[in-house]
Amino acid sequence: MEDLKIALAGCGRVAQTHVRNLQAIFGRSEVLVGVCDTDPRRAEAMAQEAGGRPFGDIGRMLEAVKPDALLLCTPPSVREMPIRLCCEAGVAFFCETPPAPDAKTCRRIHGLLARSGVVNAVGFQWRYLDLVDECRRWLVGKRVSAVVSRFASDTLFAGDLPAWLTLADRGGGPVFAETLHALDLVRYLVGNISSVMAFGSNAVVPAGPKMTVPDTLAMTFSLEGGGVGSHYHGWAEKQPTAEIVIRTGFDVICLDLVGNRLTGTVDGQKLACEAGVDPWRREIETFLQAVSATDQSLIRSGYGDACETVLVSSAVMESLRASILARVDIGA
């Protein structure tokens, strides 16, 4: 793993997090062989911070430095071309969320991967949280009746939002930026979502040319296993919230991602534990181990599985547009 050559595409905020984790994992500052960004100043700055040659074109970077792995931290609309290049060059890749801007593109990319066989991962970091491991253990043998999740943040009050993030056809707003993480965690913990109905509001931040997504949304969904659920998401709240409550009829389990705690009453016994690992670091370390061993089975969220979460998120977007029940055709 120490000898892996790693390149980075996209030098925004999330890239900074991954670079810090790479530096901690390897115990050195220079961890990259190539850095790419459409803004040459950002590429130069990242190269100075983390090593590697700066580039303005991903294809030229892959050809010049020949990395073993690429960290893809570009905007959602810049996914297909880099992944296609990785497949052609046999380069493993870690793709930030969302893995594609829409379900159609996601399916097309998945087809490329099925033919190439390169190791791949998508940044659903909560799957790597130790509390999630424990929650799955608590749920063994249980039949889930209901799931209620709540996520809220002050995202729309931040002053450095990229322009594409609040556009429905480019960034997808809260649905594709954050709600999909909640939906992915629901899928990982209790099984696939089969149908959704969603409603959105712009009561805090009015809709307009630069704001074509809701600032707040609520949705209900059904689970393939027979249970039901609901999710609330606010993008204009000062009090951060990220929790999922799971009920089995006799048990209640609460996963609090802000407080880093898992609590519940399971089989009549009250249980509680706190997080002990950094999921962002653990997911990158696991990806590097998978690349080093050429072992896709180590990855908890490969592109194919992530594609199914995108299908659910796309159904939410469809329901928001039409205010009707939207089916999720997994595997169609």
Protein backbone atom coordinates (compact mmCIF):
# COMPACT_ATOMS: atom_id res chain seq x y z
CA MET A 1 0.00 0.00 0.00
CA GLU A 2 2.89 2.33 0.76
CA ASP A 3 4.05 2.18 -2.86
CA LEU A 4 0.71 3.06 -4.46
CA LYS A 5 0.77 6.02 -6.84
CA ILE A 6 -2.28 8.19 -6.15
CA ALA A 7 -3.65 11.05 -8.24
CA LEU A 8 -6.39 13.55 -7.41
CA ALA A 9 -8.95 15.24 -9.66
CA GLY A 10 -10.83 18.20 -8.20
CA CYS A 11 -9.24 20.32 -5.46
CA GLY A 12 -12.28 21.54 -3.52
CA ARG A 13 -13.20 21.17 0.13
CA VAL A 14 -13.79 17.41 0.15
CA ALA A 15 -10.43 16.84 -1.56
CA GLN A 16 -8.75 18.61 1.35
CA THR A 17 -10.28 16.10 3.76
CA HIS A 18 -9.06 13.13 1.71
CA VAL A 19 -5.56 14.57 1.40
CA ARG A 20 -5.30 15.09 5.17
CA ASN A 21 -6.35 11.48 5.69
CA LEU A 22 -3.80 10.25 3.15
CA GLN A 23 -1.09 12.23 4.92
CA ALA A 24 -2.11 10.68 8.24
CA ILE A 25 -2.22 7.17 6.78
CA PHE A 26 1.20 7.41 5.13
CA GLY A 27 2.81 9.64 7.75
CA ARG A 28 4.16 12.13 5.23
CA SER A 29 3.05 15.28 3.46
CA GLU A 30 3.74 14.29 -0.16
CA VAL A 31 1.13 11.64 -0.96
CA LEU A 32 0.14 12.44 -4.56
CA VAL A 33 1.82 11.96 -7.93
CA GLY A 34 -0.62 14.15 -9.84
CA VAL A 35 -3.20 16.85 -9.14
CA CYS A 36 -5.84 18.11 -11.57
CA ASP A 37 -8.24 21.04 -11.44
CA THR A 38 -9.74 23.40 -14.01
CA ASP A 39 -8.44 26.26 -11.85
CA PRO A 40 -4.62 26.18 -12.24
CA ARG A 41 -4.14 28.11 -9.00
CA ARG A 42 -5.97 25.46 -7.01
CA ALA A 43 -4.03 22.68 -8.72
CA GLU A 44 -0.74 24.42 -7.97
CA ALA A 45 -1.70 25.00 -4.33
CA MET A 46 -2.71 21.36 -3.84
CA ALA A 47 0.49 20.14 -5.48
CA GLN A 48 2.53 22.27 -3.09
CA GLU A 49 0.56 20.90 -0.14
CA ALA A 50 0.40 17.21 -1.06
CA GLY A 51 3.02 16.67 -3.77
CA GLY A 52 2.59 15.67 -7.40
CA ARG A 53 2.52 17.50 -10.72
CA PRO A 54 -0.35 19.94 -11.39
CA PHE A 55 -2.53 19.44 -14.46
CA GLY A 56 -5.60 21.05 -16.02
CA ASP A 57 -6.75 17.91 -17.88
CA ILE A 58 -7.48 14.53 -16.29
CA GLY A 59 -6.60 12.52 -19.39
CA ARG A 60 -3.19 14.13 -19.69
CA MET A 61 -2.56 13.57 -16.00
CA LEU A 62 -3.41 9.85 -16.17
CA GLU A 63 -1.18 9.42 -19.20
CA ALA A 64 1.74 11.36 -17.72
CA VAL A 65 1.90 10.03 -14.13
CA LYS A 66 0.26 6.61 -14.63
CA PRO A 67 -1.30 6.34 -11.16
CA ASP A 68 -2.54 3.15 -9.53
CA ALA A 69 -5.58 5.00 -8.15
CA LEU A 70 -7.51 8.21 -8.74
CA LEU A 71 -9.49 10.15 -6.14
CA LEU A 72 -12.33 11.73 -8.13
CA CYS A 73 -13.59 14.84 -6.29
CA THR A 74 -14.99 16.74 -9.26
CA PRO A 75 -18.57 18.14 -9.49
CA PRO A 76 -21.26 15.49 -10.19
CA SER A 77 -21.46 16.46 -13.87
CA VAL A 78 -17.78 15.51 -14.29
CA ARG A 79 -17.90 11.81 -13.51
CA GLU A 80 -18.42 9.79 -16.68
CA MET A 81 -15.38 10.94 -18.67
CA PRO A 82 -12.83 10.43 -15.85
CA ILE A 83 -14.27 7.01 -14.98
CA ARG A 84 -14.21 6.01 -18.64
CA LEU A 85 -10.53 7.00 -18.80
CA CYS A 86 -9.82 4.99 -15.63
CA CYS A 87 -11.51 1.93 -17.11
CA GLU A 88 -9.49 2.24 -20.31
CA ALA A 89 -6.21 2.69 -18.42
CA GLY A 90 -6.91 0.09 -15.73
CA VAL A 91 -6.76 2.69 -12.94
CA ALA A 92 -8.71 2.08 -9.73
CA PHE A 93 -10.83 5.00 -8.58
CA PHE A 94 -12.57 6.41 -5.54
CA CYS A 95 -15.52 8.59 -6.57
CA GLU A 96 -17.08 11.18 -4.30
CA THR A 97 -20.86 11.38 -3.99
CA PRO A 98 -23.05 11.59 -5.89
CA PRO A 99 -21.44 9.05 -8.25
CA ALA A 100 -23.41 10.54 -11.18
CA PRO A 101 -25.78 13.47 -11.71
CA ASP A 102 -28.73 11.22 -12.66
CA ALA A 103 -29.84 7.59 -12.90
CA LYS A 104 -29.30 7.31 -16.67
CA THR A 105 -25.66 8.39 -16.43
CA CYS A 106 -25.13 6.15 -13.41
CA ARG A 107 -26.36 3.08 -15.29
CA ARG A 108 -24.14 3.94 -18.26
CA ILE A 109 -21.06 4.26 -16.04
CA HIS A 110 -21.91 1.00 -14.27
CA GLY A 111 -21.92 -0.71 -17.66
CA LEU A 112 -18.38 0.53 -18.29
CA LEU A 113 -17.22 -0.83 -14.95
CA ALA A 114 -18.79 -4.23 -15.48
CA ARG A 115 -16.59 -4.66 -18.54
CA SER A 116 -13.36 -3.21 -17.08
CA GLY A 117 -13.14 -4.85 -13.65
CA VAL A 118 -11.15 -2.00 -12.06
CA VAL A 119 -11.38 -1.65 -8.28
CA ASN A 120 -13.84 1.13 -7.45
CA ALA A 121 -15.44 2.80 -4.46
CA VAL A 122 -17.97 5.56 -3.82
CA GLY A 123 -17.76 7.94 -0.85
CA PHE A 124 -20.65 6.82 1.33
CA GLN A 125 -18.50 7.25 4.41
CA TRP A 126 -21.17 6.38 6.99
CA ARG A 127 -20.95 2.73 5.96
CA TYR A 128 -17.47 2.74 7.51
CA LEU A 129 -18.56 4.10 10.91
CA ASP A 130 -18.07 1.58 13.72
CA LEU A 131 -21.47 2.56 15.16
CA VAL A 132 -23.05 1.40 11.91
CA ASP A 133 -21.28 -1.95 12.29
CA GLU A 134 -22.73 -2.23 15.79
CA CYS A 135 -26.19 -1.19 14.65
CA ARG A 136 -26.18 -3.93 12.03
CA ARG A 137 -25.28 -6.43 14.77
CA TRP A 138 -28.20 -5.23 16.91
CA LEU A 139 -30.54 -5.72 13.94
CA VAL A 140 -29.56 -9.32 13.17
CA GLY A 141 -32.70 -11.44 13.08
CA LYS A 142 -34.98 -8.43 13.50
CA ARG A 143 -37.86 -7.48 11.20
CA VAL A 144 -37.88 -3.70 10.76
CA SER A 145 -41.30 -2.09 10.88
CA ALA A 146 -40.36 1.60 10.55
CA VAL A 147 -37.44 3.94 9.94
CA VAL A 148 -37.51 7.68 10.69
CA SER A 149 -34.53 9.83 9.74
CA ARG A 150 -33.83 13.55 10.18
CA PHE A 151 -30.98 15.50 8.63
CA ALA A 152 -30.52 19.27 8.89
CA SER A 153 -27.68 21.74 8.31
CA ASP A 154 -26.92 25.39 7.61
CA THR A 155 -25.65 24.62 4.10
CA LEU A 156 -27.57 27.47 2.47
CA PHE A 157 -26.06 29.99 4.88
CA ALA A 158 -22.50 29.07 3.90
CA GLY A 159 -20.75 31.74 1.87
CA ASP A 160 -18.64 29.48 -0.36
CA LEU A 161 -21.22 27.21 -1.98
CA PRO A 162 -20.36 26.17 -5.55
CA ALA A 163 -22.87 27.64 -8.00
CA TRP A 164 -23.95 24.24 -9.33
CA LEU A 165 -24.98 22.85 -5.94
CA THR A 166 -28.36 24.63 -5.76
CA LEU A 167 -29.40 23.78 -9.32
CA ALA A 168 -31.69 20.77 -9.72
CA ASP A 169 -30.26 19.76 -13.10
CA ARG A 170 -26.60 20.07 -12.06
CA GLY A 171 -26.11 19.52 -8.34
CA GLY A 172 -29.47 18.20 -7.20
CA GLY A 173 -29.52 20.30 -4.03
CA PRO A 174 -30.13 18.53 -0.71
CA VAL A 175 -31.39 15.36 -2.39
CA PHE A 176 -28.17 14.54 -4.24
CA ALA A 177 -25.75 16.28 -1.88
CA GLU A 178 -26.92 14.93 1.48
CA THR A 179 -30.29 13.13 1.45
CA LEU A 180 -28.76 10.34 -0.62
CA HIS A 181 -26.39 9.65 2.32
CA ALA A 182 -29.39 9.10 4.59
CA LEU A 183 -31.08 6.92 1.99
CA ASP A 184 -27.89 4.94 1.44
CA LEU A 185 -27.55 4.34 5.16
CA VAL A 186 -31.16 3.16 5.33
CA ARG A 187 -30.43 0.73 2.48
CA TYR A 188 -27.25 -0.50 4.17
CA LEU A 189 -28.93 -1.02 7.55
CA VAL A 190 -32.40 -2.33 6.72
CA GLY A 191 -32.62 -3.11 3.00
CA ASN A 192 -33.73 -1.62 -0.29
CA ILE A 193 -36.32 1.13 -0.72
CA SER A 194 -39.06 0.24 -3.19
CA SER A 195 -41.12 3.43 -3.53
CA VAL A 196 -41.03 7.07 -2.45
CA MET A 197 -43.23 10.16 -2.24
CA ALA A 198 -41.61 13.53 -1.57
CA PHE A 199 -42.61 17.15 -1.08
CA GLY A 200 -40.37 20.21 -1.01
CA SER A 201 -40.54 23.75 0.31
CA ASN A 202 -38.77 27.07 -0.34
CA ALA A 203 -40.22 28.86 2.65
CA VAL A 204 -36.78 29.99 3.88
CA VAL A 205 -34.81 30.54 0.66
CA PRO A 206 -37.13 31.46 -2.25
CA ALA A 207 -36.78 29.61 -5.53
CA GLY A 208 -35.19 31.50 -8.41
CA PRO A 209 -32.72 31.15 -11.29
CA LYS A 210 -29.89 30.33 -8.86
CA MET A 211 -32.03 28.26 -6.48
CA THR A 212 -34.03 25.57 -8.29
CA VAL A 213 -34.09 23.07 -5.42
CA PRO A 214 -36.11 23.06 -2.17
CA ASP A 215 -34.46 24.31 1.01
CA THR A 216 -36.52 21.78 2.98
CA LEU A 217 -38.07 18.46 2.01
CA ALA A 218 -40.03 15.62 3.53
CA MET A 219 -40.60 12.18 2.11
CA THR A 220 -42.12 8.83 2.91
CA PHE A 221 -40.95 5.50 1.55
CA SER A 222 -41.65 1.79 1.62
CA LEU A 223 -39.07 -0.93 2.18
CA GLU A 224 -38.80 -4.10 0.16
CA GLY A 225 -38.88 -6.02 3.44
CA GLY A 226 -42.34 -4.67 4.23
CA GLY A 227 -41.57 -1.78 6.54
CA VAL A 228 -42.18 1.91 5.97
CA GLY A 229 -40.19 5.04 6.64
CA SER A 230 -39.92 8.80 6.48
CA HIS A 231 -37.12 11.28 6.03
CA TYR A 232 -36.92 15.01 6.78
CA HIS A 233 -34.14 17.18 5.39
CA GLY A 234 -33.52 20.86 6.05
CA TRP A 235 -30.78 22.87 4.39
CA ALA A 236 -31.49 26.16 6.14
CA GLU A 237 -31.21 25.36 9.85
CA LYS A 238 -28.57 26.49 12.31
CA GLN A 239 -28.90 23.39 14.50
CA PRO A 240 -27.18 20.40 12.82
CA THR A 241 -29.07 17.11 12.95
CA ALA A 242 -28.30 13.69 11.46
CA GLU A 243 -30.07 10.75 13.02
CA ILE A 244 -31.86 7.57 12.06
CA VAL A 245 -34.35 5.84 14.35
CA ILE A 246 -35.18 2.20 13.58
CA ARG A 247 -38.13 0.32 15.08
CA THR A 248 -38.79 -3.40 14.99
CA GLY A 249 -42.01 -3.46 17.00
CA PHE A 250 -40.25 -4.40 20.23
CA ASP A 251 -36.96 -2.59 19.78
CA VAL A 252 -36.00 1.06 19.19
CA ILE A 253 -32.51 1.98 17.95
CA CYS A 254 -31.23 5.54 17.42
CA LEU A 255 -28.09 6.28 15.41
CA ASP A 256 -26.98 9.87 16.06
CA LEU A 257 -24.32 10.88 13.53
CA VAL A 258 -23.84 14.37 15.00
CA GLY A 259 -23.47 13.17 18.59
CA ASN A 260 -21.50 10.08 17.47
CA ARG A 261 -23.69 7.81 19.63
CA LEU A 262 -25.75 4.69 19.14
CA THR A 263 -28.48 4.05 21.72
CA GLY A 264 -31.42 1.74 21.95
CA THR A 265 -33.55 -0.82 23.71
CA VAL A 266 -32.95 -4.24 22.17
CA ASP A 267 -34.58 -7.39 23.52
CA GLY A 268 -35.57 -5.43 26.63
CA GLN A 269 -32.02 -4.31 27.36
CA LYS A 270 -30.87 -0.69 27.16
CA LEU A 271 -27.68 -0.34 25.14
CA ALA A 272 -25.37 2.56 24.27
CA CYS A 273 -21.99 3.10 22.63
CA GLU A 274 -19.94 5.90 21.13
CA ALA A 275 -17.98 6.17 17.90
CA GLY A 276 -14.33 5.18 18.04
CA VAL A 277 -13.17 5.56 14.43
CA ASP A 278 -13.13 8.27 11.76
CA PRO A 279 -15.28 6.90 8.90
CA TRP A 280 -13.70 9.23 6.31
CA ARG A 281 -10.22 7.95 7.07
CA ARG A 282 -11.40 4.35 7.33
CA GLU A 283 -13.07 4.42 3.90
CA ILE A 284 -9.94 5.80 2.19
CA GLU A 285 -7.68 3.33 3.99
CA THR A 286 -10.00 0.47 2.98
CA PHE A 287 -9.98 1.67 -0.63
CA LEU A 288 -6.18 1.70 -0.69
CA GLN A 289 -6.08 -1.80 0.81
CA ALA A 290 -8.51 -2.99 -1.88
CA VAL A 291 -6.39 -1.43 -4.62
CA SER A 292 -3.20 -2.93 -3.21
CA ALA A 293 -4.78 -6.40 -2.99
CA THR A 294 -6.92 -6.00 -6.15
CA ASP A 295 -9.86 -7.08 -3.99
CA GLN A 296 -13.19 -5.36 -4.70
CA SER A 297 -14.87 -7.37 -1.92
CA LEU A 298 -13.21 -5.14 0.70
CA ILE A 299 -15.24 -2.15 -0.52
CA ARG A 300 -18.51 -1.48 1.32
CA SER A 301 -19.91 0.82 -1.34
CA GLY A 302 -18.86 -0.09 -4.86
CA TYR A 303 -20.22 1.79 -7.83
CA GLY A 304 -22.88 -0.82 -8.62
CA ASP A 305 -24.43 -0.63 -5.16
CA ALA A 306 -24.09 3.17 -5.10
CA CYS A 307 -26.00 3.25 -8.38
CA GLU A 308 -29.02 1.78 -6.58
CA THR A 309 -28.90 4.64 -4.05
CA VAL A 310 -28.83 7.07 -6.99
CA LEU A 311 -31.94 5.37 -8.40
CA VAL A 312 -33.75 6.05 -5.12
CA SER A 313 -32.55 9.69 -5.08
CA SER A 314 -33.66 10.12 -8.69
CA ALA A 315 -37.10 8.83 -7.72
CA VAL A 316 -37.19 11.44 -4.95
CA MET A 317 -36.38 14.17 -7.50
CA GLU A 318 -39.11 12.84 -9.79
CA SER A 319 -41.63 12.89 -6.97
CA LEU A 320 -40.62 16.44 -5.99
CA ARG A 321 -41.23 17.59 -9.56
CA ALA A 322 -44.56 15.82 -9.98
CA SER A 323 -45.78 15.37 -6.38
CA ILE A 324 -46.77 11.81 -7.24
CA LEU A 325 -45.70 8.36 -6.12
CA ALA A 326 -42.50 7.40 -7.96
CA ARG A 327 -41.48 3.77 -8.35
CA VAL A 328 -37.84 2.71 -7.88
CA ASP A 329 -37.05 0.09 -10.51
CA ILE A 330 -33.93 -1.51 -9.06
CA GLY A 331 -32.02 -3.44 -11.68
CA ALA A 332 -34.16 -2.20 -14.57
